[in-house]
């Protein structure tokens, strides 16, 4: 009886060894690395940035040099006669178009209306 059980077990092992290999399962897809995103405030922040864009420093195409003395003063103190019709005063919460118009002067102010900088565009 022991021989018979051993023979059956041996045949079962041999049959298992001869069968087709189990299909390989696709490796678990690795979780994508977390994408580092800037703070929500900076991602959606479209506040006026007073720093100069390199394109603004190449040529004064909008007449900003004539108004540089008003930086640090109230924008309302700039006489309208000194501003061209292409001038726009932009506060931190103002929405503006993003098109670049070289002859347009942008007077960038803070929330109190103090001129922070001047930019062409």
PDB file of N, CA and C in Angstrom:
ATOM      1  N   UNK A   1       0.808  -1.171   0.000  1.00  0.00           N
ATOM      2  CA  UNK A   1       0.000   0.000   0.000  1.00  0.00           C
ATOM      3  C   UNK A   1       0.864   1.252   0.000  1.00  0.00           C
ATOM      4  N   UNK A   2       1.970   1.207   0.745  1.00  0.00           N
ATOM      5  CA  UNK A   2       2.866   2.347   0.786  1.00  0.00           C
ATOM      6  C   UNK A   2       3.484   2.594  -0.579  1.00  0.00           C
ATOM      7  N   UNK A   3       3.759   1.555  -1.270  1.00  0.00           N
ATOM      8  CA  UNK A   3       4.350   1.703  -2.603  1.00  0.00           C
ATOM      9  C   UNK A   3       3.332   2.338  -3.536  1.00  0.00           C
ATOM     10  N   UNK A   4       2.117   1.907  -3.429  1.00  0.00           N
ATOM     11  CA  UNK A   4       1.061   2.447  -4.288  1.00  0.00           C
ATOM     12  C   UNK A   4       0.851   3.944  -4.018  1.00  0.00           C
ATOM     13  N   UNK A   5       0.835   4.336  -2.757  1.00  0.00           N
ATOM     14  CA  UNK A   5       0.657   5.750  -2.402  1.00  0.00           C
ATOM     15  C   UNK A   5       1.844   6.555  -2.888  1.00  0.00           C
ATOM     16  N   UNK A   6       3.038   6.005  -2.751  1.00  0.00           N
ATOM     17  CA  UNK A   6       4.248   6.700  -3.214  1.00  0.00           C
ATOM     18  C   UNK A   6       4.250   6.838  -4.719  1.00  0.00           C
ATOM     19  N   UNK A   7       3.770   5.773  -5.404  1.00  0.00           N
ATOM     20  CA  UNK A   7       3.700   5.808  -6.853  1.00  0.00           C
ATOM     21  C   UNK A   7       2.707   6.853  -7.325  1.00  0.00           C
ATOM     22  N   UNK A   8       1.563   6.942  -6.687  1.00  0.00           N
ATOM     23  CA  UNK A   8       0.539   7.925  -7.058  1.00  0.00           C
ATOM     24  C   UNK A   8       1.059   9.342  -6.809  1.00  0.00           C
ATOM     25  N   UNK A   9       1.717   9.511  -5.670  1.00  0.00           N
ATOM     26  CA  UNK A   9       2.263  10.830  -5.346  1.00  0.00           C
ATOM     27  C   UNK A   9       3.334  11.225  -6.353  1.00  0.00           C
ATOM     28  N   UNK A  10       4.190  10.285  -6.719  1.00  0.00           N
ATOM     29  CA  UNK A  10       5.251  10.556  -7.693  1.00  0.00           C
ATOM     30  C   UNK A  10       4.674  10.917  -9.044  1.00  0.00           C
ATOM     31  N   UNK A  11       3.648  10.182  -9.490  1.00  0.00           N
ATOM     32  CA  UNK A  11       3.010  10.487 -10.773  1.00  0.00           C
ATOM     33  C   UNK A  11       2.348  11.863 -10.750  1.00  0.00           C
ATOM     34  N   UNK A  12       1.742  12.211  -9.633  1.00  0.00           N
ATOM     35  CA  UNK A  12       1.086  13.502  -9.519  1.00  0.00           C
ATOM     36  C   UNK A  12       2.111  14.623  -9.598  1.00  0.00           C
ATOM     37  N   UNK A  13       3.248  14.429  -8.964  1.00  0.00           N
ATOM     38  CA  UNK A  13       4.301  15.450  -9.017  1.00  0.00           C
ATOM     39  C   UNK A  13       4.864  15.586 -10.430  1.00  0.00           C
ATOM     40  N   UNK A  14       5.049  14.462 -11.092  1.00  0.00           N
ATOM     41  CA  UNK A  14       5.571  14.501 -12.462  1.00  0.00           C
ATOM     42  C   UNK A  14       4.572  15.171 -13.406  1.00  0.00           C
ATOM     43  N   UNK A  15       3.296  14.891 -13.228  1.00  0.00           N
ATOM     44  CA  UNK A  15       2.275  15.487 -14.075  1.00  0.00           C
ATOM     45  C   UNK A  15       2.238  16.990 -13.853  1.00  0.00           C
ATOM     46  N   UNK A  16       2.405  17.400 -12.613  1.00  0.00           N
ATOM     47  CA  UNK A  16       2.415  18.826 -12.310  1.00  0.00           C
ATOM     48  C   UNK A  16       3.626  19.515 -12.907  1.00  0.00           C
ATOM     49  N   UNK A  17       4.760  18.829 -12.931  1.00  0.00           N
ATOM     50  CA  UNK A  17       5.982  19.412 -13.465  1.00  0.00           C
ATOM     51  C   UNK A  17       5.916  19.536 -14.977  1.00  0.00           C
ATOM     52  N   UNK A  18       5.168  18.683 -15.636  1.00  0.00           N
ATOM     53  CA  UNK A  18       5.073  18.698 -17.095  1.00  0.00           C
ATOM     54  C   UNK A  18       4.007  19.651 -17.609  1.00  0.00           C
ATOM     55  N   UNK A  19       3.162  20.113 -16.755  1.00  0.00           N
ATOM     56  CA  UNK A  19       2.088  20.977 -17.226  1.00  0.00           C
ATOM     57  C   UNK A  19       2.650  22.347 -17.601  1.00  0.00           C
ATOM     58  N   UNK A  20       1.878  23.075 -18.351  1.00  0.00           N
ATOM     59  CA  UNK A  20       2.301  24.412 -18.789  1.00  0.00           C
ATOM     60  C   UNK A  20       2.481  25.302 -17.568  1.00  0.00           C
ATOM     61  N   UNK A  21       3.470  26.171 -17.646  1.00  0.00           N
ATOM     62  CA  UNK A  21       3.686  27.047 -16.497  1.00  0.00           C
ATOM     63  C   UNK A  21       2.513  28.014 -16.334  1.00  0.00           C
ATOM     64  N   UNK A  22       2.293  28.398 -15.137  1.00  0.00           N
ATOM     65  CA  UNK A  22       1.215  29.347 -14.853  1.00  0.00           C
ATOM     66  C   UNK A  22       1.536  30.671 -15.537  1.00  0.00           C
ATOM     67  N   UNK A  23       0.520  31.295 -16.108  1.00  0.00           N
ATOM     68  CA  UNK A  23       0.803  32.569 -16.778  1.00  0.00           C
ATOM     69  C   UNK A  23       1.305  33.591 -15.764  1.00  0.00           C
ATOM     70  N   UNK A  24       2.279  34.342 -16.225  1.00  0.00           N
ATOM     71  CA  UNK A  24       2.834  35.359 -15.339  1.00  0.00           C
ATOM     72  C   UNK A  24       1.823  36.493 -15.220  1.00  0.00           C
ATOM     73  N   UNK A  25       1.659  36.907 -14.038  1.00  0.00           N
ATOM     74  CA  UNK A  25       0.759  38.038 -13.843  1.00  0.00           C
ATOM     75  C   UNK A  25       1.564  39.312 -14.022  1.00  0.00           C
ATOM     76  N   UNK A  26       0.912  40.287 -14.567  1.00  0.00           N
ATOM     77  CA  UNK A  26       1.596  41.561 -14.776  1.00  0.00           C
ATOM     78  C   UNK A  26       1.989  42.115 -13.422  1.00  0.00           C
ATOM     79  N   UNK A  27       3.192  42.621 -13.354  1.00  0.00           N
ATOM     80  CA  UNK A  27       3.593  43.179 -12.061  1.00  0.00           C
ATOM     81  C   UNK A  27       2.659  44.323 -11.686  1.00  0.00           C
ATOM     82  N   UNK A  28       2.442  44.440 -10.420  1.00  0.00           N
ATOM     83  CA  UNK A  28       1.582  45.519  -9.940  1.00  0.00           C
ATOM     84  C   UNK A  28       2.134  46.838 -10.463  1.00  0.00           C
ATOM     85  N   UNK A  29       1.269  47.600 -11.038  1.00  0.00           N
ATOM     86  CA  UNK A  29       1.711  48.906 -11.515  1.00  0.00           C
ATOM     87  C   UNK A  29       2.114  49.732 -10.309  1.00  0.00           C
ATOM     88  N   UNK A  30       3.308  50.238 -10.384  1.00  0.00           N
ATOM     89  CA  UNK A  30       3.787  51.048  -9.269  1.00  0.00           C
ATOM     90  C   UNK A  30       2.969  52.325  -9.195  1.00  0.00           C
ATOM     91  N   UNK A  31       2.680  52.735  -8.005  1.00  0.00           N
ATOM     92  CA  UNK A  31       1.932  53.976  -7.856  1.00  0.00           C
ATOM     93  C   UNK A  31       2.794  55.107  -8.384  1.00  0.00           C
ATOM     94  N   UNK A  32       2.186  55.996  -9.134  1.00  0.00           N
ATOM     95  CA  UNK A  32       2.992  57.101  -9.637  1.00  0.00           C
ATOM     96  C   UNK A  32       3.495  57.940  -8.478  1.00  0.00           C
ATOM     97  N   UNK A  33       4.683  58.462  -8.678  1.00  0.00           N
ATOM     98  CA  UNK A  33       5.264  59.302  -7.637  1.00  0.00           C
ATOM     99  C   UNK A  33       4.390  60.529  -7.452  1.00  0.00           C
ATOM    100  N   UNK A  34       4.222  60.952  -6.250  1.00  0.00           N
ATOM    101  CA  UNK A  34       3.391  62.140  -6.045  1.00  0.00           C
ATOM    102  C   UNK A  34       4.002  63.341  -6.759  1.00  0.00           C
ATOM    103  N   UNK A  35       3.147  64.064  -7.417  1.00  0.00           N
ATOM    104  CA  UNK A  35       3.599  65.239  -8.151  1.00  0.00           C
ATOM    105  C   UNK A  35       3.664  66.401  -7.174  1.00  0.00           C
ATOM    106  N   UNK A  36       4.838  67.007  -7.127  1.00  0.00           N
ATOM    107  CA  UNK A  36       4.969  68.148  -6.238  1.00  0.00           C
ATOM    108  C   UNK A  36       4.375  69.355  -6.926  1.00  0.00           C
ATOM    109  N   UNK A  37       3.385  69.930  -6.300  1.00  0.00           N
ATOM    110  CA  UNK A  37       2.759  71.123  -6.851  1.00  0.00           C
ATOM    111  C   UNK A  37       3.018  72.275  -5.910  1.00  0.00           C
ATOM    112  N   UNK A  38       3.111  73.460  -6.471  1.00  0.00           N
ATOM    113  CA  UNK A  38       3.303  74.602  -5.587  1.00  0.00           C
ATOM    114  C   UNK A  38       2.071  74.799  -4.714  1.00  0.00           C
ATOM    115  N   UNK A  39       2.228  75.581  -3.692  1.00  0.00           N
ATOM    116  CA  UNK A  39       1.093  75.877  -2.833  1.00  0.00           C
ATOM    117  C   UNK A  39      -0.054  76.371  -3.674  1.00  0.00           C
ATOM    118  N   UNK A  40      -1.259  76.068  -3.232  1.00  0.00           N
ATOM    119  CA  UNK A  40      -2.439  76.502  -3.974  1.00  0.00           C
ATOM    120  C   UNK A  40      -2.436  78.010  -4.161  1.00  0.00           C
ATOM    121  N   UNK A  41      -1.936  78.739  -3.182  1.00  0.00           N
ATOM    122  CA  UNK A  41      -1.926  80.201  -3.290  1.00  0.00           C
ATOM    123  C   UNK A  41      -1.034  80.660  -4.435  1.00  0.00           C
ATOM    124  N   UNK A  42       0.104  79.996  -4.642  1.00  0.00           N
ATOM    125  CA  UNK A  42       0.990  80.434  -5.712  1.00  0.00           C
ATOM    126  C   UNK A  42       0.559  79.877  -7.057  1.00  0.00           C
ATOM    127  N   UNK A  43      -0.113  78.725  -7.039  1.00  0.00           N
ATOM    128  CA  UNK A  43      -0.540  78.131  -8.296  1.00  0.00           C
ATOM    129  C   UNK A  43      -1.622  78.970  -8.971  1.00  0.00           C
ATOM    130  N   UNK A  44      -2.540  79.481  -8.191  1.00  0.00           N
ATOM    131  CA  UNK A  44      -3.640  80.238  -8.767  1.00  0.00           C
ATOM    132  C   UNK A  44      -3.476  81.730  -8.557  1.00  0.00           C
ATOM    133  N   UNK A  45      -2.382  82.117  -7.947  1.00  0.00           N
ATOM    134  CA  UNK A  45      -2.167  83.524  -7.632  1.00  0.00           C
ATOM    135  C   UNK A  45      -1.833  84.288  -8.906  1.00  0.00           C
ATOM    136  N   UNK A  46      -2.699  85.205  -9.247  1.00  0.00           N
ATOM    137  CA  UNK A  46      -2.467  86.025 -10.430  1.00  0.00           C
ATOM    138  C   UNK A  46      -2.291  87.472 -10.023  1.00  0.00           C
ATOM    139  N   UNK A  47      -1.843  87.679  -8.790  1.00  0.00           N
ATOM    140  CA  UNK A  47      -1.637  89.033  -8.303  1.00  0.00           C
ATOM    141  C   UNK A  47      -0.546  89.709  -9.118  1.00  0.00           C
ATOM    142  N   UNK A  48      -0.609  90.997  -9.151  1.00  0.00           N
ATOM    143  CA  UNK A  48       0.375  91.789  -9.895  1.00  0.00           C
ATOM    144  C   UNK A  48       1.746  91.569  -9.272  1.00  0.00           C
ATOM    145  N   UNK A  49       2.704  91.299 -10.103  1.00  0.00           N
ATOM    146  CA  UNK A  49       4.067  91.110  -9.647  1.00  0.00           C
ATOM    147  C   UNK A  49       4.880  92.349 -10.017  1.00  0.00           C
ATOM    148  N   UNK A  50       5.426  93.057  -9.035  1.00  0.00           N
ATOM    149  CA  UNK A  50       6.118  94.303  -9.337  1.00  0.00           C
ATOM    150  C   UNK A  50       7.489  94.137  -9.971  1.00  0.00           C
ATOM    151  N   UNK A  51       8.063  92.951  -9.934  1.00  0.00           N
ATOM    152  CA  UNK A  51       9.401  92.800 -10.479  1.00  0.00           C
ATOM    153  C   UNK A  51       9.390  92.991 -12.000  1.00  0.00           C
ATOM    154  N   UNK A  52      10.509  93.371 -12.514  1.00  0.00           N
ATOM    155  CA  UNK A  52      10.624  93.649 -13.941  1.00  0.00           C
ATOM    156  C   UNK A  52      10.836  92.355 -14.708  1.00  0.00           C
ATOM    157  N   UNK A  53      10.185  92.260 -15.807  1.00  0.00           N
ATOM    158  CA  UNK A  53      10.359  91.159 -16.733  1.00  0.00           C
ATOM    159  C   UNK A  53      11.543  91.532 -17.618  1.00  0.00           C
ATOM    160  N   UNK A  54      12.429  90.593 -17.965  1.00  0.00           N
ATOM    161  CA  UNK A  54      13.578  90.944 -18.798  1.00  0.00           C
ATOM    162  C   UNK A  54      13.194  91.661 -20.092  1.00  0.00           C
ATOM    163  N   UNK A  55      12.020  91.367 -20.628  1.00  0.00           N
ATOM    164  CA  UNK A  55      11.618  92.024 -21.868  1.00  0.00           C
ATOM    165  C   UNK A  55      11.384  93.519 -21.631  1.00  0.00           C
ATOM    166  N   UNK A  56      11.047  93.902 -20.386  1.00  0.00           N
ATOM    167  CA  UNK A  56      10.808  95.305 -20.071  1.00  0.00           C
ATOM    168  C   UNK A  56      12.102  96.100 -19.944  1.00  0.00           C
ATOM    169  N   UNK A  57      13.203  95.424 -19.690  1.00  0.00           N
ATOM    170  CA  UNK A  57      14.450  96.132 -19.449  1.00  0.00           C
ATOM    171  C   UNK A  57      15.228  96.404 -20.727  1.00  0.00           C
ATOM    172  N   UNK A  58      14.794  95.863 -21.848  1.00  0.00           N
ATOM    173  CA  UNK A  58      15.553  96.055 -23.072  1.00  0.00           C
ATOM    174  C   UNK A  58      15.301  97.414 -23.707  1.00  0.00           C
ATOM    175  N   UNK A  59      14.071  97.801 -23.839  1.00  0.00           N
ATOM    176  CA  UNK A  59      13.721  99.077 -24.453  1.00  0.00           C
ATOM    177  C   UNK A  59      12.570  99.707 -23.691  1.00  0.00           C
ATOM    178  N   UNK A  60      12.610 101.025 -23.602  1.00  0.00           N
ATOM    179  CA  UNK A  60      11.493 101.752 -23.010  1.00  0.00           C
ATOM    180  C   UNK A  60      10.566 102.114 -24.163  1.00  0.00           C
ATOM    181  N   UNK A  61       9.681 101.202 -24.500  1.00  0.00           N
ATOM    182  CA  UNK A  61       8.782 101.393 -25.643  1.00  0.00           C
ATOM    183  C   UNK A  61       7.472 102.046 -25.248  1.00  0.00           C
ATOM    184  N   UNK A  62       7.289 102.315 -23.930  1.00  0.00           N
ATOM    185  CA  UNK A  62       6.000 102.835 -23.470  1.00  0.00           C
ATOM    186  C   UNK A  62       6.111 104.160 -22.717  1.00  0.00           C
ATOM    187  N   UNK A  63       7.313 104.681 -22.560  1.00  0.00           N
ATOM    188  CA  UNK A  63       7.490 105.949 -21.865  1.00  0.00           C
ATOM    189  C   UNK A  63       7.527 105.841 -20.357  1.00  0.00           C
ATOM    190  N   UNK A  64       7.902 104.678 -19.835  1.00  0.00           N
ATOM    191  CA  UNK A  64       7.909 104.489 -18.387  1.00  0.00           C
ATOM    192  C   UNK A  64       8.998 105.297 -17.696  1.00  0.00           C
ATOM    193  N   UNK A  65      10.077 105.601 -18.376  1.00  0.00           N
ATOM    194  CA  UNK A  65      11.175 106.348 -17.752  1.00  0.00           C
ATOM    195  C   UNK A  65      10.706 107.723 -17.290  1.00  0.00           C
ATOM    196  N   UNK A  66       9.789 108.319 -18.012  1.00  0.00           N
ATOM    197  CA  UNK A  66       9.298 109.654 -17.657  1.00  0.00           C
ATOM    198  C   UNK A  66       8.480 109.645 -16.372  1.00  0.00           C
ATOM    199  N   UNK A  67       7.975 108.476 -15.968  1.00  0.00           N
ATOM    200  CA  UNK A  67       7.127 108.397 -14.780  1.00  0.00           C
ATOM    201  C   UNK A  67       7.808 107.703 -13.598  1.00  0.00           C
ATOM    202  N   UNK A  68       9.078 107.380 -13.718  1.00  0.00           N
ATOM    203  CA  UNK A  68       9.767 106.653 -12.645  1.00  0.00           C
ATOM    204  C   UNK A  68       9.774 107.417 -11.330  1.00  0.00           C
ATOM    205  N   UNK A  69       9.669 108.715 -11.370  1.00  0.00           N
ATOM    206  CA  UNK A  69       9.671 109.502 -10.131  1.00  0.00           C
ATOM    207  C   UNK A  69       8.419 109.252  -9.294  1.00  0.00           C
ATOM    208  N   UNK A  70       7.397 108.660  -9.879  1.00  0.00           N
ATOM    209  CA  UNK A  70       6.153 108.397  -9.150  1.00  0.00           C
ATOM    210  C   UNK A  70       6.155 107.065  -8.407  1.00  0.00           C
ATOM    211  N   UNK A  71       7.202 106.259  -8.584  1.00  0.00           N
ATOM    212  CA  UNK A  71       7.286 104.988  -7.850  1.00  0.00           C
ATOM    213  C   UNK A  71       7.387 105.325  -6.360  1.00  0.00           C
ATOM    214  N   UNK A  72       6.530 104.723  -5.561  1.00  0.00           N
ATOM    215  CA  UNK A  72       6.474 104.982  -4.131  1.00  0.00           C
ATOM    216  C   UNK A  72       5.419 106.007  -3.756  1.00  0.00           C
ATOM    217  N   UNK A  73       4.813 106.644  -4.750  1.00  0.00           N
ATOM    218  CA  UNK A  73       3.763 107.627  -4.496  1.00  0.00           C
ATOM    219  C   UNK A  73       2.413 107.049  -4.898  1.00  0.00           C
ATOM    220  N   UNK A  74       1.359 107.743  -4.559  1.00  0.00           N
ATOM    221  CA  UNK A  74       0.015 107.322  -4.951  1.00  0.00           C
ATOM    222  C   UNK A  74      -0.135 107.441  -6.467  1.00  0.00           C
ATOM    223  N   UNK A  75      -0.735 106.435  -7.086  1.00  0.00           N
ATOM    224  CA  UNK A  75      -0.955 106.464  -8.535  1.00  0.00           C
ATOM    225  C   UNK A  75      -1.874 107.612  -8.914  1.00  0.00           C
ATOM    226  N   UNK A  76      -2.753 108.001  -8.010  1.00  0.00           N
ATOM    227  CA  UNK A  76      -3.677 109.092  -8.298  1.00  0.00           C
ATOM    228  C   UNK A  76      -2.948 110.435  -8.431  1.00  0.00           C
ATOM    229  N   UNK A  77      -1.698 110.515  -7.970  1.00  0.00           N
ATOM    230  CA  UNK A  77      -0.914 111.741  -8.077  1.00  0.00           C
ATOM    231  C   UNK A  77      -0.280 111.912  -9.461  1.00  0.00           C
ATOM    232  N   UNK A  78      -0.302 110.893 -10.293  1.00  0.00           N
ATOM    233  CA  UNK A  78       0.267 110.999 -11.640  1.00  0.00           C
ATOM    234  C   UNK A  78      -0.703 111.810 -12.490  1.00  0.00           C
ATOM    235  N   UNK A  79      -0.258 112.946 -13.022  1.00  0.00           N
ATOM    236  CA  UNK A  79      -1.158 113.737 -13.872  1.00  0.00           C
ATOM    237  C   UNK A  79      -1.538 112.961 -15.125  1.00  0.00           C
ATOM    238  N   UNK A  80      -2.808 113.018 -15.464  1.00  0.00           N
ATOM    239  CA  UNK A  80      -3.279 112.290 -16.646  1.00  0.00           C
ATOM    240  C   UNK A  80      -2.562 112.752 -17.906  1.00  0.00           C
ATOM    241  N   UNK A  81      -2.159 113.993 -17.944  1.00  0.00           N
ATOM    242  CA  UNK A  81      -1.468 114.528 -19.112  1.00  0.00           C
ATOM    243  C   UNK A  81      -0.130 113.834 -19.341  1.00  0.00           C
ATOM    244  N   UNK A  82       0.464 113.267 -18.277  1.00  0.00           N
ATOM    245  CA  UNK A  82       1.753 112.583 -18.399  1.00  0.00           C
ATOM    246  C   UNK A  82       1.596 111.116 -18.798  1.00  0.00           C
ATOM    247  N   UNK A  83       0.372 110.606 -18.742  1.00  0.00           N
ATOM    248  CA  UNK A  83       0.142 109.207 -19.105  1.00  0.00           C
ATOM    249  C   UNK A  83      -0.462 109.144 -20.503  1.00  0.00           C
ATOM    250  N   UNK A  84       0.026 108.198 -21.290  1.00  0.00           N
ATOM    251  CA  UNK A  84      -0.534 108.030 -22.628  1.00  0.00           C
ATOM    252  C   UNK A  84      -1.893 107.347 -22.530  1.00  0.00           C
ATOM    253  N   UNK A  85      -2.606 107.309 -23.640  1.00  0.00           N
ATOM    254  CA  UNK A  85      -3.913 106.642 -23.616  1.00  0.00           C
ATOM    255  C   UNK A  85      -3.768 105.137 -23.461  1.00  0.00           C
ATOM    256  N   UNK A  86      -2.562 104.620 -23.674  1.00  0.00           N
ATOM    257  CA  UNK A  86      -2.306 103.184 -23.493  1.00  0.00           C
ATOM    258  C   UNK A  86      -1.867 102.843 -22.077  1.00  0.00           C
ATOM    259  N   UNK A  87      -2.056 103.722 -21.127  1.00  0.00           N
ATOM    260  CA  UNK A  87      -1.635 103.468 -19.750  1.00  0.00           C
ATOM    261  C   UNK A  87      -2.771 102.801 -18.988  1.00  0.00           C
ATOM    262  N   UNK A  88      -2.406 101.801 -18.193  1.00  0.00           N
ATOM    263  CA  UNK A  88      -3.388 101.202 -17.302  1.00  0.00           C
ATOM    264  C   UNK A  88      -2.771 101.073 -15.914  1.00  0.00           C
ATOM    265  N   UNK A  89      -3.545 101.469 -14.929  1.00  0.00           N
ATOM    266  CA  UNK A  89      -3.140 101.358 -13.529  1.00  0.00           C
ATOM    267  C   UNK A  89      -3.707 100.035 -13.033  1.00  0.00           C
ATOM    268  N   UNK A  90      -2.825  99.178 -12.520  1.00  0.00           N
ATOM    269  CA  UNK A  90      -3.208  97.815 -12.161  1.00  0.00           C
ATOM    270  C   UNK A  90      -2.938  97.576 -10.682  1.00  0.00           C
ATOM    271  N   UNK A  91      -3.995  97.246  -9.958  1.00  0.00           N
ATOM    272  CA  UNK A  91      -3.876  96.903  -8.544  1.00  0.00           C
ATOM    273  C   UNK A  91      -3.697  95.411  -8.366  1.00  0.00           C
ATOM    274  N   UNK A  92      -3.431  94.958  -7.140  1.00  0.00           N
ATOM    275  CA  UNK A  92      -3.153  93.535  -6.913  1.00  0.00           C
ATOM    276  C   UNK A  92      -4.332  92.614  -7.203  1.00  0.00           C
ATOM    277  N   UNK A  93      -5.560  93.119  -7.150  1.00  0.00           N
ATOM    278  CA  UNK A  93      -6.722  92.267  -7.392  1.00  0.00           C
ATOM    279  C   UNK A  93      -7.359  92.517  -8.754  1.00  0.00           C
ATOM    280  N   UNK A  94      -6.751  93.365  -9.564  1.00  0.00           N
ATOM    281  CA  UNK A  94      -7.303  93.682 -10.879  1.00  0.00           C
ATOM    282  C   UNK A  94      -7.000  92.580 -11.880  1.00  0.00           C
ATOM    283  N   UNK A  95      -7.964  92.301 -12.729  1.00  0.00           N
ATOM    284  CA  UNK A  95      -7.758  91.346 -13.808  1.00  0.00           C
ATOM    285  C   UNK A  95      -7.348  92.119 -15.056  1.00  0.00           C
ATOM    286  N   UNK A  96      -6.352  91.616 -15.733  1.00  0.00           N
ATOM    287  CA  UNK A  96      -5.875  92.263 -16.950  1.00  0.00           C
ATOM    288  C   UNK A  96      -5.639  91.208 -18.016  1.00  0.00           C
ATOM    289  N   UNK A  97      -5.629  91.650 -19.257  1.00  0.00           N
ATOM    290  CA  UNK A  97      -5.301  90.729 -20.344  1.00  0.00           C
ATOM    291  C   UNK A  97      -3.817  90.439 -20.305  1.00  0.00           C
ATOM    292  N   UNK A  98      -3.434  89.291 -20.808  1.00  0.00           N
ATOM    293  CA  UNK A  98      -2.039  88.888 -20.773  1.00  0.00           C
ATOM    294  C   UNK A  98      -1.319  89.146 -22.092  1.00  0.00           C
ATOM    295  N   UNK A  99      -1.981  89.796 -23.037  1.00  0.00           N
ATOM    296  CA  UNK A  99      -1.311  90.082 -24.303  1.00  0.00           C
ATOM    297  C   UNK A  99      -0.249  91.148 -24.077  1.00  0.00           C
ATOM    298  N   UNK A 100       0.807  91.072 -24.844  1.00  0.00           N
ATOM    299  CA  UNK A 100       1.918  92.007 -24.697  1.00  0.00           C
ATOM    300  C   UNK A 100       1.784  93.094 -25.761  1.00  0.00           C
ATOM    301  N   UNK A 101       1.632  94.327 -25.290  1.00  0.00           N
ATOM    302  CA  UNK A 101       1.560  95.487 -26.177  1.00  0.00           C
ATOM    303  C   UNK A 101       2.734  96.380 -25.791  1.00  0.00           C
ATOM    304  N   UNK A 102       3.790  96.426 -26.586  1.00  0.00           N
ATOM    305  CA  UNK A 102       5.008  97.143 -26.199  1.00  0.00           C
ATOM    306  C   UNK A 102       4.788  98.616 -25.874  1.00  0.00           C
ATOM    307  N   UNK A 103       3.795  99.240 -26.475  1.00  0.00           N
ATOM    308  CA  UNK A 103       3.565 100.666 -26.242  1.00  0.00           C
ATOM    309  C   UNK A 103       2.653 100.942 -25.059  1.00  0.00           C
ATOM    310  N   UNK A 104       2.134  99.893 -24.403  1.00  0.00           N
ATOM    311  CA  UNK A 104       1.239 100.078 -23.261  1.00  0.00           C
ATOM    312  C   UNK A 104       2.063 100.189 -21.983  1.00  0.00           C
ATOM    313  N   UNK A 105       1.753 101.196 -21.166  1.00  0.00           N
ATOM    314  CA  UNK A 105       2.406 101.372 -19.871  1.00  0.00           C
ATOM    315  C   UNK A 105       1.504 100.798 -18.787  1.00  0.00           C
ATOM    316  N   UNK A 106       2.066  99.921 -17.968  1.00  0.00           N
ATOM    317  CA  UNK A 106       1.358  99.353 -16.825  1.00  0.00           C
ATOM    318  C   UNK A 106       1.930  99.985 -15.562  1.00  0.00           C
ATOM    319  N   UNK A 107       1.073 100.645 -14.811  1.00  0.00           N
ATOM    320  CA  UNK A 107       1.454 101.221 -13.527  1.00  0.00           C
ATOM    321  C   UNK A 107       0.970 100.237 -12.474  1.00  0.00           C
ATOM    322  N   UNK A 108       1.894  99.522 -11.855  1.00  0.00           N
ATOM    323  CA  UNK A 108       1.548  98.467 -10.906  1.00  0.00           C
ATOM    324  C   UNK A 108       1.516  99.039  -9.494  1.00  0.00           C
ATOM    325  N   UNK A 109       0.381  98.853  -8.809  1.00  0.00           N
ATOM    326  CA  UNK A 109       0.196  99.429  -7.478  1.00  0.00           C
ATOM    327  C   UNK A 109      -0.087  98.357  -6.443  1.00  0.00           C
ATOM    328  N   UNK A 110       0.048  98.727  -5.180  1.00  0.00           N
ATOM    329  CA  UNK A 110      -0.354  97.832  -4.096  1.00  0.00           C
ATOM    330  C   UNK A 110      -1.823  98.100  -3.765  1.00  0.00           C
ATOM    331  N   UNK A 111      -2.324  97.478  -2.732  1.00  0.00           N
ATOM    332  CA  UNK A 111      -3.739  97.599  -2.372  1.00  0.00           C
ATOM    333  C   UNK A 111      -4.126  99.026  -1.983  1.00  0.00           C
ATOM    334  N   UNK A 112      -3.168  99.825  -1.526  1.00  0.00           N
ATOM    335  CA  UNK A 112      -3.447 101.204  -1.132  1.00  0.00           C
ATOM    336  C   UNK A 112      -3.277 102.177  -2.286  1.00  0.00           C
ATOM    337  N   UNK A 113      -2.911 101.688  -3.464  1.00  0.00           N
ATOM    338  CA  UNK A 113      -2.752 102.557  -4.624  1.00  0.00           C
ATOM    339  C   UNK A 113      -1.376 103.173  -4.765  1.00  0.00           C
ATOM    340  N   UNK A 114      -0.409 102.686  -3.993  1.00  0.00           N
ATOM    341  CA  UNK A 114       0.965 103.177  -4.098  1.00  0.00           C
ATOM    342  C   UNK A 114       1.639 102.484  -5.273  1.00  0.00           C
ATOM    343  N   UNK A 115       2.308 103.266  -6.115  1.00  0.00           N
ATOM    344  CA  UNK A 115       2.986 102.717  -7.292  1.00  0.00           C
ATOM    345  C   UNK A 115       4.173 101.882  -6.855  1.00  0.00           C
ATOM    346  N   UNK A 116       4.165 100.605  -7.251  1.00  0.00           N
ATOM    347  CA  UNK A 116       5.263  99.688  -6.951  1.00  0.00           C
ATOM    348  C   UNK A 116       6.296  99.666  -8.060  1.00  0.00           C
ATOM    349  N   UNK A 117       5.817  99.666  -9.310  1.00  0.00           N
ATOM    350  CA  UNK A 117       6.723  99.646 -10.449  1.00  0.00           C
ATOM    351  C   UNK A 117       5.968 100.011 -11.708  1.00  0.00           C
ATOM    352  N   UNK A 118       6.736 100.191 -12.767  1.00  0.00           N
ATOM    353  CA  UNK A 118       6.204 100.499 -14.089  1.00  0.00           C
ATOM    354  C   UNK A 118       6.712  99.442 -15.048  1.00  0.00           C
ATOM    355  N   UNK A 119       5.844  98.994 -15.932  1.00  0.00           N
ATOM    356  CA  UNK A 119       6.245  97.968 -16.905  1.00  0.00           C
ATOM    357  C   UNK A 119       5.605  98.290 -18.260  1.00  0.00           C
ATOM    358  N   UNK A 120       6.351  98.017 -19.295  1.00  0.00           N
ATOM    359  CA  UNK A 120       5.778  98.101 -20.632  1.00  0.00           C
ATOM    360  C   UNK A 120       5.072  96.782 -20.913  1.00  0.00           C
ATOM    361  N   UNK A 121       4.054  96.833 -21.702  1.00  0.00           N
ATOM    362  CA  UNK A 121       3.383  95.595 -22.082  1.00  0.00           C
ATOM    363  C   UNK A 121       1.938  95.693 -21.920  1.00  0.00           C
TER     364      UNK A 121
END
